[in-house]
Amino acid sequence: MPLKGSCHCKATVFEVTQAPVSVTRCTYSICSKKGALWAYYSPDEVRIAPQRSSATYRWQSMTVKHNFCPTCGCTTFTESPDWSTGEPNFDNMRIAVNARLFDDFDLDAVETVTIDGKNLW
């Protein structure tokens, strides 16, 4: 069942093909400061409506696009290569949606997995 979400001001509206079975809490500096809980999808599983305004922040390796709404400030989604092997796989891109922005979704009903990004990267 598709699941919809948006930033606070609705400048960024998105839909994913299905609810996540788990979300990720990352302890890396930018992730922990944002307070996001990430739900991971392949690009074909996410539809992001044309945004009225958007902004992107990149850090260090410049391989991850951290997208946010410049109007209301919500962290919306990231675009990155798959890192499951420890190296960036640009042939397998991933979209991480901030699950806190889903509409009518009970985050307490899914498992939260913590990644120790603070010590891994």
PDB file of N, CA and C in Angstrom:
ATOM      1  N   MET A   1       0.835  -1.172   0.000  1.00  0.00           N
ATOM      2  CA  MET A   1       0.000   0.000   0.000  1.00  0.00           C
ATOM      3  C   MET A   1       0.886   1.243   0.000  1.00  0.00           C
ATOM      4  N   PRO A   2       0.654   2.164  -0.931  1.00  0.00           N
ATOM      5  CA  PRO A   2       1.458   3.388  -0.987  1.00  0.00           C
ATOM      6  C   PRO A   2       1.303   4.220   0.289  1.00  0.00           C
ATOM      7  N   LEU A   3       2.331   4.995   0.567  1.00  0.00           N
ATOM      8  CA  LEU A   3       2.355   5.838   1.749  1.00  0.00           C
ATOM      9  C   LEU A   3       2.823   7.221   1.314  1.00  0.00           C
ATOM     10  N   LYS A   4       2.112   8.246   1.774  1.00  0.00           N
ATOM     11  CA  LYS A   4       2.441   9.622   1.391  1.00  0.00           C
ATOM     12  C   LYS A   4       3.056  10.370   2.554  1.00  0.00           C
ATOM     13  N   GLY A   5       3.768  11.444   2.210  1.00  0.00           N
ATOM     14  CA  GLY A   5       4.366  12.299   3.221  1.00  0.00           C
ATOM     15  C   GLY A   5       4.712  13.653   2.637  1.00  0.00           C
ATOM     16  N   SER A   6       5.139  14.559   3.503  1.00  0.00           N
ATOM     17  CA  SER A   6       5.515  15.900   3.045  1.00  0.00           C
ATOM     18  C   SER A   6       6.297  16.613   4.130  1.00  0.00           C
ATOM     19  N   CYS A   7       6.947  17.687   3.703  1.00  0.00           N
ATOM     20  CA  CYS A   7       7.564  18.577   4.682  1.00  0.00           C
ATOM     21  C   CYS A   7       6.432  19.377   5.348  1.00  0.00           C
ATOM     22  N   HIS A   8       6.756  20.185   6.321  1.00  0.00           N
ATOM     23  CA  HIS A   8       5.742  20.916   7.077  1.00  0.00           C
ATOM     24  C   HIS A   8       4.916  21.857   6.209  1.00  0.00           C
ATOM     25  N   CYS A   9       5.569  22.581   5.297  1.00  0.00           N
ATOM     26  CA  CYS A   9       4.854  23.572   4.478  1.00  0.00           C
ATOM     27  C   CYS A   9       4.290  22.993   3.187  1.00  0.00           C
ATOM     28  N   LYS A  10       4.533  21.710   2.946  1.00  0.00           N
ATOM     29  CA  LYS A  10       4.044  20.975   1.768  1.00  0.00           C
ATOM     30  C   LYS A  10       4.731  21.390   0.463  1.00  0.00           C
ATOM     31  N   ALA A  11       5.878  22.044   0.558  1.00  0.00           N
ATOM     32  CA  ALA A  11       6.637  22.369  -0.658  1.00  0.00           C
ATOM     33  C   ALA A  11       7.256  21.104  -1.237  1.00  0.00           C
ATOM     34  N   THR A  12       7.526  20.121  -0.374  1.00  0.00           N
ATOM     35  CA  THR A  12       8.008  18.816  -0.808  1.00  0.00           C
ATOM     36  C   THR A  12       6.956  17.784  -0.430  1.00  0.00           C
ATOM     37  N   VAL A  13       6.423  17.110  -1.437  1.00  0.00           N
ATOM     38  CA  VAL A  13       5.414  16.069  -1.244  1.00  0.00           C
ATOM     39  C   VAL A  13       5.942  14.815  -1.916  1.00  0.00           C
ATOM     40  N   PHE A  14       5.801  13.678  -1.251  1.00  0.00           N
ATOM     41  CA  PHE A  14       6.339  12.442  -1.823  1.00  0.00           C
ATOM     42  C   PHE A  14       5.412  11.272  -1.521  1.00  0.00           C
ATOM     43  N   GLU A  15       5.658  10.183  -2.245  1.00  0.00           N
ATOM     44  CA  GLU A  15       4.927   8.937  -2.038  1.00  0.00           C
ATOM     45  C   GLU A  15       5.890   7.785  -2.235  1.00  0.00           C
ATOM     46  N   VAL A  16       5.790   6.782  -1.383  1.00  0.00           N
ATOM     47  CA  VAL A  16       6.580   5.564  -1.513  1.00  0.00           C
ATOM     48  C   VAL A  16       5.624   4.408  -1.797  1.00  0.00           C
ATOM     49  N   THR A  17       6.137   3.358  -2.411  1.00  0.00           N
ATOM     50  CA  THR A  17       5.286   2.250  -2.835  1.00  0.00           C
ATOM     51  C   THR A  17       4.746   1.436  -1.670  1.00  0.00           C
ATOM     52  N   GLN A  18       5.465   1.441  -0.548  1.00  0.00           N
ATOM     53  CA  GLN A  18       5.026   0.652   0.599  1.00  0.00           C
ATOM     54  C   GLN A  18       5.600   1.220   1.889  1.00  0.00           C
ATOM     55  N   ALA A  19       4.954   0.902   2.983  1.00  0.00           N
ATOM     56  CA  ALA A  19       5.447   1.329   4.292  1.00  0.00           C
ATOM     57  C   ALA A  19       6.742   0.587   4.607  1.00  0.00           C
ATOM     58  N   PRO A  20       7.647   1.211   5.327  1.00  0.00           N
ATOM     59  CA  PRO A  20       8.883   0.515   5.689  1.00  0.00           C
ATOM     60  C   PRO A  20       8.619  -0.533   6.766  1.00  0.00           C
ATOM     61  N   VAL A  21       9.409  -1.601   6.754  1.00  0.00           N
ATOM     62  CA  VAL A  21       9.320  -2.598   7.821  1.00  0.00           C
ATOM     63  C   VAL A  21      10.231  -2.220   8.983  1.00  0.00           C
ATOM     64  N   SER A  22      11.194  -1.323   8.706  1.00  0.00           N
ATOM     65  CA  SER A  22      12.065  -0.785   9.745  1.00  0.00           C
ATOM     66  C   SER A  22      12.532   0.594   9.302  1.00  0.00           C
ATOM     67  N   VAL A  23      13.023   1.355  10.258  1.00  0.00           N
ATOM     68  CA  VAL A  23      13.625   2.659   9.970  1.00  0.00           C
ATOM     69  C   VAL A  23      15.008   2.675  10.619  1.00  0.00           C
ATOM     70  N   THR A  24      15.870   3.533  10.115  1.00  0.00           N
ATOM     71  CA  THR A  24      17.245   3.593  10.598  1.00  0.00           C
ATOM     72  C   THR A  24      17.510   4.900  11.328  1.00  0.00           C
ATOM     73  N   ARG A  25      18.074   4.760  12.509  1.00  0.00           N
ATOM     74  CA  ARG A  25      18.563   5.904  13.271  1.00  0.00           C
ATOM     75  C   ARG A  25      20.072   5.840  13.173  1.00  0.00           C
ATOM     76  N   CYS A  26      20.665   6.862  12.560  1.00  0.00           N
ATOM     77  CA  CYS A  26      22.109   6.898  12.361  1.00  0.00           C
ATOM     78  C   CYS A  26      22.727   7.870  13.350  1.00  0.00           C
ATOM     79  N   THR A  27      23.862   7.479  13.947  1.00  0.00           N
ATOM     80  CA  THR A  27      24.529   8.328  14.931  1.00  0.00           C
ATOM     81  C   THR A  27      25.593   9.236  14.315  1.00  0.00           C
ATOM     82  N   TYR A  28      25.731   9.198  12.978  1.00  0.00           N
ATOM     83  CA  TYR A  28      26.688  10.082  12.316  1.00  0.00           C
ATOM     84  C   TYR A  28      26.291  11.525  12.609  1.00  0.00           C
ATOM     85  N   SER A  29      27.236  12.429  12.609  1.00  0.00           N
ATOM     86  CA  SER A  29      26.995  13.798  13.063  1.00  0.00           C
ATOM     87  C   SER A  29      25.799  14.461  12.389  1.00  0.00           C
ATOM     88  N   ILE A  30      25.731  14.458  11.074  1.00  0.00           N
ATOM     89  CA  ILE A  30      24.637  15.169  10.419  1.00  0.00           C
ATOM     90  C   ILE A  30      23.302  14.469  10.648  1.00  0.00           C
ATOM     91  N   CYS A  31      23.306  13.150  10.627  1.00  0.00           N
ATOM     92  CA  CYS A  31      22.056  12.414  10.838  1.00  0.00           C
ATOM     93  C   CYS A  31      21.516  12.626  12.246  1.00  0.00           C
ATOM     94  N   SER A  32      22.394  12.558  13.247  1.00  0.00           N
ATOM     95  CA  SER A  32      21.925  12.727  14.617  1.00  0.00           C
ATOM     96  C   SER A  32      21.462  14.155  14.874  1.00  0.00           C
ATOM     97  N   LYS A  33      22.115  15.129  14.268  1.00  0.00           N
ATOM     98  CA  LYS A  33      21.683  16.520  14.443  1.00  0.00           C
ATOM     99  C   LYS A  33      20.334  16.778  13.782  1.00  0.00           C
ATOM    100  N   LYS A  34      20.059  16.090  12.681  1.00  0.00           N
ATOM    101  CA  LYS A  34      18.773  16.238  12.000  1.00  0.00           C
ATOM    102  C   LYS A  34      17.643  15.556  12.763  1.00  0.00           C
ATOM    103  N   GLY A  35      17.977  14.455  13.436  1.00  0.00           N
ATOM    104  CA  GLY A  35      16.955  13.704  14.154  1.00  0.00           C
ATOM    105  C   GLY A  35      16.056  12.882  13.245  1.00  0.00           C
ATOM    106  N   ALA A  36      16.494  12.634  12.036  1.00  0.00           N
ATOM    107  CA  ALA A  36      15.682  11.882  11.079  1.00  0.00           C
ATOM    108  C   ALA A  36      15.713  10.394  11.392  1.00  0.00           C
ATOM    109  N   LEU A  37      14.652   9.720  11.021  1.00  0.00           N
ATOM    110  CA  LEU A  37      14.598   8.263  10.994  1.00  0.00           C
ATOM    111  C   LEU A  37      14.435   7.902   9.529  1.00  0.00           C
ATOM    112  N   TRP A  38      15.389   7.164   8.984  1.00  0.00           N
ATOM    113  CA  TRP A  38      15.451   6.934   7.543  1.00  0.00           C
ATOM    114  C   TRP A  38      14.750   5.642   7.127  1.00  0.00           C
ATOM    115  N   ALA A  39      13.940   5.751   6.088  1.00  0.00           N
ATOM    116  CA  ALA A  39      13.327   4.589   5.436  1.00  0.00           C
ATOM    117  C   ALA A  39      13.946   4.520   4.044  1.00  0.00           C
ATOM    118  N   TYR A  40      14.558   3.385   3.716  1.00  0.00           N
ATOM    119  CA  TYR A  40      15.332   3.253   2.487  1.00  0.00           C
ATOM    120  C   TYR A  40      14.530   2.617   1.360  1.00  0.00           C
ATOM    121  N   TYR A  41      14.710   3.174   0.155  1.00  0.00           N
ATOM    122  CA  TYR A  41      14.002   2.710  -1.032  1.00  0.00           C
ATOM    123  C   TYR A  41      14.907   2.812  -2.252  1.00  0.00           C
ATOM    124  N   SER A  42      14.574   2.052  -3.280  1.00  0.00           N
ATOM    125  CA  SER A  42      15.222   2.241  -4.573  1.00  0.00           C
ATOM    126  C   SER A  42      14.511   3.409  -5.254  1.00  0.00           C
ATOM    127  N   PRO A  43      15.170   4.088  -6.184  1.00  0.00           N
ATOM    128  CA  PRO A  43      14.553   5.255  -6.824  1.00  0.00           C
ATOM    129  C   PRO A  43      13.197   4.970  -7.471  1.00  0.00           C
ATOM    130  N   ASP A  44      12.986   3.760  -7.981  1.00  0.00           N
ATOM    131  CA  ASP A  44      11.707   3.464  -8.626  1.00  0.00           C
ATOM    132  C   ASP A  44      10.575   3.231  -7.617  1.00  0.00           C
ATOM    133  N   GLU A  45      10.897   3.192  -6.328  1.00  0.00           N
ATOM    134  CA  GLU A  45       9.878   3.016  -5.292  1.00  0.00           C
ATOM    135  C   GLU A  45       9.436   4.336  -4.657  1.00  0.00           C
ATOM    136  N   VAL A  46      10.013   5.450  -5.122  1.00  0.00           N
ATOM    137  CA  VAL A  46       9.720   6.767  -4.546  1.00  0.00           C
ATOM    138  C   VAL A  46       9.306   7.726  -5.653  1.00  0.00           C
ATOM    139  N   ARG A  47       8.238   8.452  -5.384  1.00  0.00           N
ATOM    140  CA  ARG A  47       7.827   9.518  -6.301  1.00  0.00           C
ATOM    141  C   ARG A  47       7.841  10.820  -5.511  1.00  0.00           C
ATOM    142  N   ILE A  48       8.671  11.746  -5.958  1.00  0.00           N
ATOM    143  CA  ILE A  48       8.741  13.056  -5.321  1.00  0.00           C
ATOM    144  C   ILE A  48       8.123  14.051  -6.285  1.00  0.00           C
ATOM    145  N   ALA A  49       7.063  14.694  -5.832  1.00  0.00           N
ATOM    146  CA  ALA A  49       6.357  15.653  -6.684  1.00  0.00           C
ATOM    147  C   ALA A  49       7.286  16.826  -6.983  1.00  0.00           C
ATOM    148  N   PRO A  50       7.077  17.462  -8.113  1.00  0.00           N
ATOM    149  CA  PRO A  50       7.895  18.651  -8.403  1.00  0.00           C
ATOM    150  C   PRO A  50       7.837  19.614  -7.215  1.00  0.00           C
ATOM    151  N   GLN A  51       9.000  19.985  -6.745  1.00  0.00           N
ATOM    152  CA  GLN A  51       9.078  20.808  -5.550  1.00  0.00           C
ATOM    153  C   GLN A  51       8.952  22.290  -5.867  1.00  0.00           C
ATOM    154  N   ARG A  52       8.219  22.986  -5.006  1.00  0.00           N
ATOM    155  CA  ARG A  52       8.114  24.432  -5.159  1.00  0.00           C
ATOM    156  C   ARG A  52       9.423  25.102  -4.776  1.00  0.00           C
ATOM    157  N   SER A  53      10.129  24.500  -3.847  1.00  0.00           N
ATOM    158  CA  SER A  53      11.457  24.979  -3.477  1.00  0.00           C
ATOM    159  C   SER A  53      12.216  23.799  -2.892  1.00  0.00           C
ATOM    160  N   SER A  54      13.508  23.787  -3.087  1.00  0.00           N
ATOM    161  CA  SER A  54      14.315  22.702  -2.543  1.00  0.00           C
ATOM    162  C   SER A  54      15.748  23.187  -2.370  1.00  0.00           C
ATOM    163  N   ALA A  55      16.455  22.472  -1.536  1.00  0.00           N
ATOM    164  CA  ALA A  55      17.863  22.783  -1.322  1.00  0.00           C
ATOM    165  C   ALA A  55      18.583  21.472  -1.011  1.00  0.00           C
ATOM    166  N   THR A  56      19.865  21.436  -1.334  1.00  0.00           N
ATOM    167  CA  THR A  56      20.664  20.239  -1.116  1.00  0.00           C
ATOM    168  C   THR A  56      21.958  20.611  -0.422  1.00  0.00           C
ATOM    169  N   TYR A  57      22.338  19.782   0.538  1.00  0.00           N
ATOM    170  CA  TYR A  57      23.590  19.946   1.250  1.00  0.00           C
ATOM    171  C   TYR A  57      24.426  18.693   1.007  1.00  0.00           C
ATOM    172  N   ARG A  58      25.704  18.881   0.698  1.00  0.00           N
ATOM    173  CA  ARG A  58      26.627  17.754   0.532  1.00  0.00           C
ATOM    174  C   ARG A  58      27.791  17.949   1.489  1.00  0.00           C
ATOM    175  N   TRP A  59      28.287  16.828   2.015  1.00  0.00           N
ATOM    176  CA  TRP A  59      29.344  16.890   3.015  1.00  0.00           C
ATOM    177  C   TRP A  59      30.484  15.960   2.634  1.00  0.00           C
ATOM    178  N   GLN A  60      31.674  16.309   2.915  1.00  0.00           N
ATOM    179  CA  GLN A  60      32.923  15.575   2.720  1.00  0.00           C
ATOM    180  C   GLN A  60      33.044  14.919   1.350  1.00  0.00           C
ATOM    181  N   SER A  61      32.652  13.670   1.198  1.00  0.00           N
ATOM    182  CA  SER A  61      32.875  12.953  -0.064  1.00  0.00           C
ATOM    183  C   SER A  61      31.986  13.460  -1.193  1.00  0.00           C
ATOM    184  N   MET A  62      30.994  14.254  -0.856  1.00  0.00           N
ATOM    185  CA  MET A  62      30.061  14.832  -1.835  1.00  0.00           C
ATOM    186  C   MET A  62      29.213  13.767  -2.537  1.00  0.00           C
ATOM    187  N   THR A  63      29.177  12.546  -2.031  1.00  0.00           N
ATOM    188  CA  THR A  63      28.431  11.473  -2.692  1.00  0.00           C
ATOM    189  C   THR A  63      26.982  11.384  -2.235  1.00  0.00           C
ATOM    190  N   VAL A  64      26.657  11.977  -1.093  1.00  0.00           N
ATOM    191  CA  VAL A  64      25.287  11.919  -0.576  1.00  0.00           C
ATOM    192  C   VAL A  64      24.659  13.306  -0.684  1.00  0.00           C
ATOM    193  N   LYS A  65      23.487  13.349  -1.303  1.00  0.00           N
ATOM    194  CA  LYS A  65      22.720  14.589  -1.396  1.00  0.00           C
ATOM    195  C   LYS A  65      21.721  14.615  -0.242  1.00  0.00           C
ATOM    196  N   HIS A  66      21.912  15.531   0.685  1.00  0.00           N
ATOM    197  CA  HIS A  66      20.998  15.705   1.813  1.00  0.00           C
ATOM    198  C   HIS A  66      20.011  16.809   1.413  1.00  0.00           C
ATOM    199  N   ASN A  67      18.792  16.414   1.099  1.00  0.00           N
ATOM    200  CA  ASN A  67      17.791  17.376   0.640  1.00  0.00           C
ATOM    201  C   ASN A  67      16.935  17.875   1.802  1.00  0.00           C
ATOM    202  N   PHE A  68      16.602  19.138   1.734  1.00  0.00           N
ATOM    203  CA  PHE A  68      15.756  19.742   2.765  1.00  0.00           C
ATOM    204  C   PHE A  68      14.950  20.870   2.154  1.00  0.00           C
ATOM    205  N   CYS A  69      13.900  21.260   2.844  1.00  0.00           N
ATOM    206  CA  CYS A  69      13.063  22.360   2.370  1.00  0.00           C
ATOM    207  C   CYS A  69      13.621  23.679   2.901  1.00  0.00           C
ATOM    208  N   PRO A  70      13.986  24.609   2.018  1.00  0.00           N
ATOM    209  CA  PRO A  70      14.525  25.881   2.495  1.00  0.00           C
ATOM    210  C   PRO A  70      13.449  26.801   3.080  1.00  0.00           C
ATOM    211  N   THR A  71      12.192  26.459   2.867  1.00  0.00           N
ATOM    212  CA  THR A  71      11.110  27.281   3.398  1.00  0.00           C
ATOM    213  C   THR A  71      10.817  26.936   4.853  1.00  0.00           C
ATOM    214  N   CYS A  72      10.543  25.653   5.135  1.00  0.00           N
ATOM    215  CA  CYS A  72      10.189  25.262   6.513  1.00  0.00           C
ATOM    216  C   CYS A  72      11.336  24.586   7.245  1.00  0.00           C
ATOM    217  N   GLY A  73      12.392  24.184   6.531  1.00  0.00           N
ATOM    218  CA  GLY A  73      13.583  23.618   7.155  1.00  0.00           C
ATOM    219  C   GLY A  73      13.572  22.120   7.373  1.00  0.00           C
ATOM    220  N   CYS A  74      12.503  21.436   7.019  1.00  0.00           N
ATOM    221  CA  CYS A  74      12.441  19.991   7.248  1.00  0.00           C
ATOM    222  C   CYS A  74      13.459  19.237   6.406  1.00  0.00           C
ATOM    223  N   THR A  75      14.118  18.283   7.029  1.00  0.00           N
ATOM    224  CA  THR A  75      14.974  17.330   6.325  1.00  0.00           C
ATOM    225  C   THR A  75      14.037  16.368   5.618  1.00  0.00           C
ATOM    226  N   THR A  76      14.138  16.254   4.300  1.00  0.00           N
ATOM    227  CA  THR A  76      13.151  15.489   3.548  1.00  0.00           C
ATOM    228  C   THR A  76      13.651  14.126   3.087  1.00  0.00           C
ATOM    229  N   PHE A  77      14.745  14.085   2.327  1.00  0.00           N
ATOM    230  CA  PHE A  77      15.252  12.816   1.819  1.00  0.00           C
ATOM    231  C   PHE A  77      16.705  12.967   1.420  1.00  0.00           C
ATOM    232  N   THR A  78      17.380  11.816   1.297  1.00  0.00           N
ATOM    233  CA  THR A  78      18.745  11.808   0.799  1.00  0.00           C
ATOM    234  C   THR A  78      18.804  10.957  -0.455  1.00  0.00           C
ATOM    235  N   GLU A  79      19.775  11.225  -1.276  1.00  0.00           N
ATOM    236  CA  GLU A  79      20.057  10.433  -2.475  1.00  0.00           C
ATOM    237  C   GLU A  79      21.515  10.008  -2.356  1.00  0.00           C
ATOM    238  N   SER A  80      21.740   8.697  -2.402  1.00  0.00           N
ATOM    239  CA  SER A  80      23.109   8.219  -2.233  1.00  0.00           C
ATOM    240  C   SER A  80      23.303   6.882  -2.926  1.00  0.00           C
ATOM    241  N   PRO A  81      24.564   6.538  -3.167  1.00  0.00           N
ATOM    242  CA  PRO A  81      24.841   5.184  -3.643  1.00  0.00           C
ATOM    243  C   PRO A  81      24.590   4.194  -2.509  1.00  0.00           C
ATOM    244  N   ASP A  82      24.390   2.940  -2.850  1.00  0.00           N
ATOM    245  CA  ASP A  82      24.246   1.888  -1.860  1.00  0.00           C
ATOM    246  C   ASP A  82      25.604   1.685  -1.173  1.00  0.00           C
ATOM    247  N   TRP A  83      25.615   1.665   0.149  1.00  0.00           N
ATOM    248  CA  TRP A  83      26.848   1.512   0.929  1.00  0.00           C
ATOM    249  C   TRP A  83      26.896   0.172   1.650  1.00  0.00           C
ATOM    250  N   SER A  84      26.047  -0.784   1.286  1.00  0.00           N
ATOM    251  CA  SER A  84      25.947  -2.029   2.040  1.00  0.00           C
ATOM    252  C   SER A  84      27.247  -2.841   2.065  1.00  0.00           C
ATOM    253  N   THR A  85      28.124  -2.626   1.102  1.00  0.00           N
ATOM    254  CA  THR A  85      29.404  -3.343   1.085  1.00  0.00           C
ATOM    255  C   THR A  85      30.523  -2.540   1.751  1.00  0.00           C
ATOM    256  N   GLY A  86      30.207  -1.335   2.209  1.00  0.00           N
ATOM    257  CA  GLY A  86      31.227  -0.469   2.802  1.00  0.00           C
ATOM    258  C   GLY A  86      31.846   0.484   1.795  1.00  0.00           C
ATOM    259  N   GLU A  87      31.559   0.263   0.526  1.00  0.00           N
ATOM    260  CA  GLU A  87      32.035   1.130  -0.560  1.00  0.00           C
ATOM    261  C   GLU A  87      30.821   1.649  -1.331  1.00  0.00           C
ATOM    262  N   PRO A  88      30.905   2.843  -1.910  1.00  0.00           N
ATOM    263  CA  PRO A  88      29.756   3.360  -2.653  1.00  0.00           C
ATOM    264  C   PRO A  88      29.515   2.593  -3.955  1.00  0.00           C
ATOM    265  N   ASN A  89      28.298   2.140  -4.153  1.00  0.00           N
ATOM    266  CA  ASN A  89      27.899   1.456  -5.382  1.00  0.00           C
ATOM    267  C   ASN A  89      26.978   2.402  -6.155  1.00  0.00           C
ATOM    268  N   PHE A  90      27.552   3.131  -7.101  1.00  0.00           N
ATOM    269  CA  PHE A  90      26.796   4.111  -7.860  1.00  0.00           C
ATOM    270  C   PHE A  90      25.851   3.479  -8.876  1.00  0.00           C
ATOM    271  N   ASP A  91      25.972   2.177  -9.099  1.00  0.00           N
ATOM    272  CA  ASP A  91      25.041   1.463  -9.983  1.00  0.00           C
ATOM    273  C   ASP A  91      23.772   1.066  -9.246  1.00  0.00           C
ATOM    274  N   ASN A  92      23.774   1.225  -7.935  1.00  0.00           N
ATOM    275  CA  ASN A  92      22.616   0.877  -7.117  1.00  0.00           C
ATOM    276  C   ASN A  92      22.320   2.046  -6.181  1.00  0.00           C
ATOM    277  N   MET A  93      21.646   3.048  -6.701  1.00  0.00           N
ATOM    278  CA  MET A  93      21.348   4.239  -5.912  1.00  0.00           C
ATOM    279  C   MET A  93      20.208   3.958  -4.938  1.00  0.00           C
ATOM    280  N   ARG A  94      20.196   4.703  -3.838  1.00  0.00           N
ATOM    281  CA  ARG A  94      19.186   4.568  -2.796  1.00  0.00           C
ATOM    282  C   ARG A  94      18.607   5.937  -2.462  1.00  0.00           C
ATOM    283  N   ILE A  95      17.344   5.942  -2.102  1.00  0.00           N
ATOM    284  CA  ILE A  95      16.686   7.140  -1.593  1.00  0.00           C
ATOM    285  C   ILE A  95      16.300   6.826  -0.147  1.00  0.00           C
ATOM    286  N   ALA A  96      16.705   7.666   0.765  1.00  0.00           N
ATOM    287  CA  ALA A  96      16.303   7.527   2.165  1.00  0.00           C
ATOM    288  C   ALA A  96      15.332   8.657   2.468  1.00  0.00           C
ATOM    289  N   VAL A  97      14.119   8.293   2.782  1.00  0.00           N
ATOM    290  CA  VAL A  97      13.076   9.265   3.099  1.00  0.00           C
ATOM    291  C   VAL A  97      13.010   9.432   4.610  1.00  0.00           C
ATOM    292  N   ASN A  98      12.858  10.661   5.068  1.00  0.00           N
ATOM    293  CA  ASN A  98      12.700  10.910   6.494  1.00  0.00           C
ATOM    294  C   ASN A  98      11.327  10.392   6.920  1.00  0.00           C
ATOM    295  N   ALA A  99      11.310   9.249   7.580  1.00  0.00           N
ATOM    296  CA  ALA A  99      10.051   8.597   7.937  1.00  0.00           C
ATOM    297  C   ALA A  99       9.210   9.420   8.908  1.00  0.00           C
ATOM    298  N   ARG A 100       9.806  10.377   9.566  1.00  0.00           N
ATOM    299  CA  ARG A 100       9.039  11.259  10.457  1.00  0.00           C
ATOM    300  C   ARG A 100       8.054  12.121   9.666  1.00  0.00           C
ATOM    301  N   LEU A 101       8.241  12.207   8.352  1.00  0.00           N
ATOM    302  CA  LEU A 101       7.369  13.043   7.519  1.00  0.00           C
ATOM    303  C   LEU A 101       6.206  12.282   6.895  1.00  0.00           C
ATOM    304  N   PHE A 102       6.124  10.970   7.118  1.00  0.00           N
ATOM    305  CA  PHE A 102       5.002  10.206   6.577  1.00  0.00           C
ATOM    306  C   PHE A 102       3.695  10.667   7.216  1.00  0.00           C
ATOM    307  N   ASP A 103       2.648  10.712   6.419  1.00  0.00           N
ATOM    308  CA  ASP A 103       1.313  11.045   6.912  1.00  0.00           C
ATOM    309  C   ASP A 103       0.655   9.783   7.460  1.00  0.00           C
ATOM    310  N   ASP A 104       0.003   9.903   8.581  1.00  0.00           N
ATOM    311  CA  ASP A 104      -0.799   8.806   9.148  1.00  0.00           C
ATOM    312  C   ASP A 104      -0.027   7.489   9.211  1.00  0.00           C
ATOM    313  N   PHE A 105       1.164   7.536   9.765  1.00  0.00           N
ATOM    314  CA  PHE A 105       1.989   6.345   9.898  1.00  0.00           C
ATOM    315  C   PHE A 105       2.488   6.245  11.329  1.00  0.00           C
ATOM    316  N   ASP A 106       2.351   5.084  11.935  1.00  0.00           N
ATOM    317  CA  ASP A 106       2.769   4.856  13.310  1.00  0.00           C
ATOM    318  C   ASP A 106       4.217   4.375  13.332  1.00  0.00           C
ATOM    319  N   LEU A 107       5.144   5.278  13.586  1.00  0.00           N
ATOM    320  CA  LEU A 107       6.568   4.921  13.637  1.00  0.00           C
ATOM    321  C   LEU A 107       6.869   3.925  14.755  1.00  0.00           C
ATOM    322  N   ASP A 108       6.088   3.936  15.807  1.00  0.00           N
ATOM    323  CA  ASP A 108       6.314   3.009  16.908  1.00  0.00           C
ATOM    324  C   ASP A 108       5.983   1.570  16.524  1.00  0.00           C
ATOM    325  N   ALA A 109       5.285   1.395  15.399  1.00  0.00           N
ATOM    326  CA  ALA A 109       4.888   0.050  14.970  1.00  0.00           C
ATOM    327  C   ALA A 109       5.980  -0.666  14.179  1.00  0.00           C
ATOM    328  N   VAL A 110       7.071   0.034  13.838  1.00  0.00           N
ATOM    329  CA  VAL A 110       8.148  -0.586  13.071  1.00  0.00           C
ATOM    330  C   VAL A 110       9.436  -0.567  13.903  1.00  0.00           C
ATOM    331  N   GLU A 111      10.310  -1.489  13.599  1.00  0.00           N
ATOM    332  CA  GLU A 111      11.590  -1.584  14.277  1.00  0.00           C
ATOM    333  C   GLU A 111      12.483  -0.398  13.919  1.00  0.00           C
ATOM    334  N   THR A 112      13.202   0.110  14.906  1.00  0.00           N
ATOM    335  CA  THR A 112      14.216   1.137  14.664  1.00  0.00           C
ATOM    336  C   THR A 112      15.580   0.480  14.806  1.00  0.00           C
ATOM    337  N   VAL A 113      16.361   0.531  13.727  1.00  0.00           N
ATOM    338  CA  VAL A 113      17.705  -0.043  13.697  1.00  0.00           C
ATOM    339  C   VAL A 113      18.700   1.103  13.846  1.00  0.00           C
ATOM    340  N   THR A 114      19.636   0.969  14.753  1.00  0.00           N
ATOM    341  CA  THR A 114      20.639   2.012  14.951  1.00  0.00           C
ATOM    342  C   THR A 114      21.922   1.622  14.237  1.00  0.00           C
ATOM    343  N   ILE A 115      22.436   2.558  13.450  1.00  0.00           N
ATOM    344  CA  ILE A 115      23.729   2.394  12.785  1.00  0.00           C
ATOM    345  C   ILE A 115      24.709   3.329  13.476  1.00  0.00           C
ATOM    346  N   ASP A 116      25.846   2.808  13.880  1.00  0.00           N
ATOM    347  CA  ASP A 116      26.850   3.599  14.588  1.00  0.00           C
ATOM    348  C   ASP A 116      27.705   4.387  13.592  1.00  0.00           C
ATOM    349  N   GLY A 117      27.074   5.302  12.873  1.00  0.00           N
ATOM    350  CA  GLY A 117      27.784   6.105  11.891  1.00  0.00           C
ATOM    351  C   GLY A 117      28.869   6.985  12.510  1.00  0.00           C
ATOM    352  N   LYS A 118      28.723   7.314  13.763  1.00  0.00           N
ATOM    353  CA  LYS A 118      29.719   8.136  14.442  1.00  0.00           C
ATOM    354  C   LYS A 118      31.094   7.456  14.454  1.00  0.00           C
ATOM    355  N   ASN A 119      31.092   6.132  14.589  1.00  0.00           N
ATOM    356  CA  ASN A 119      32.353   5.403  14.648  1.00  0.00           C
ATOM    357  C   ASN A 119      32.700   4.667  13.343  1.00  0.00           C
ATOM    358  N   LEU A 120      31.742   4.523  12.454  1.00  0.00           N
ATOM    359  CA  LEU A 120      32.001   3.844  11.191  1.00  0.00           C
ATOM    360  C   LEU A 120      32.639   4.757  10.145  1.00  0.00           C
ATOM    361  N   TRP A 121      32.252   6.051  10.156  1.00  0.00           N
ATOM    362  CA  TRP A 121      32.735   6.948   9.111  1.00  0.00           C
ATOM    363  C   TRP A 121      33.630   7.994   9.688  1.00  0.00           C
TER     364      TRP A 121
END
